[in-house]
Amino acid sequence: MVEELVAAGVAVASAGLVYALAGARVVKQYERGVVLRLGRLRSDVRGPGFTMIVPFVDRIRKVNMQIVTMPVPAQEGITRDNVTVRVDAVVYFKVVDAADAVIQVEDYRFAVSQMAQTSLRSIIGKSDLDDLLSNREKLNQGLELMIDSPAMGWGVQIDRVEIKDVSLPETMKRSMARQAEADRERRARVINADAELQASKKLAEAAGVMSEQPAALQLRLLQTVVAVAAEKNSTLVLPFPVELLRFLEKAQQSVGAQQPAVTQQPVEAGRSAGLQGAPQSAGAQQSVEALRPSVPAPASSSAPSPAEVQESGRPAREQLPSPEVRLSEEPEGSKTGQD
């Protein structure tokens, strides 16, 4: 009899121990336990650590309170400026009320995912392509507000929303590349033109200084020679000053203008003396005597032929007959007239 009672007591103790172990639960530090007793929510949310529930009566659901990183699948849409794009994002959220996350929504993760996809498509339709590419911070804030508004009733707080990537069609990528290239080329041309303008102003100032001091041009020439010689090249380039060429050209023109005047003066004087004739024989002879040193007499009294002029290489006006010959012929004719 005693043995039966001992066996019964051991059996009851074992059953009680098994029942107690069945009701034992451990809640982790980053979790909260929501207890439903016979399907009804208990007001107290179990914190981290060891806790007990009534087996077969209470049901506990553990809710993770950590920040959840949820990728949003790429959504294809048309922007406000009629460009087809594909945009994907990522949502960071956490549960702030474990009871609402269990009671208010069936699956808060799935609900947040669907809300993020819907909000992302809405943001794509309301934005321009330039905003999606360059003004993402503003779009992220708007997307966060759109998702956070309904999520607050689910006991979920949206911590951050980021747009990851914007995929464009290949034709749009080529068009944007051409636009960027054209803009870069335009800015390069403007910069080059500005540089040419500044360089021309500096060169004009340098030219003004060099015109006041001609020695500066020679010093600049020597600096150029030194710069060329520093390259260790076998060919030496020696610039020739343009001002020196202009000086030589002016000197040659002045010499060419003075030479015809010197050669024509004796000839014109001889012609005028020959045309005066016998009435001025005394004055003519004196003028001829004065002109003899400057005008050479021909070898014969007759005028030289064109062939002789060409052979001598002298101008035809320098080969004119001497005034002395004309004067010697004219008195004979005047004497014949007097006889």
Foldseek 3Di string as FASTA:
>chain_A
DVVVVVVVVVVVVVVVVVQFVQFKDFAAQQKKKWKAFQNHTDPDIHHGGIDGDGPPGIDIDIFGFDWDKAKAAWDWEAECVGFIKTWIKIWIKGFQDPVLLVPVDPHLVVVLNVQLRVLVRVLRHHHDPCCVVPVQVVSFVVSLVSSQPVCVSSRMGTDTMGIDDMGGDPVVVVVVVVVVVVVVVVVVVVVVVVVVVVVVVVVVVVVVVCVVPVVVVVVVQVVVQVVVVVVVDPDGDRDDDPVVVVVVVVVVVVVVVPVVVLLVVLLVLLVVLLVVFDVCLVVSVVSLVVSPVVQPADPDQDQDDPVVCVVVVDDNSSRGHGSVSSRVVRVVVVVVVVD
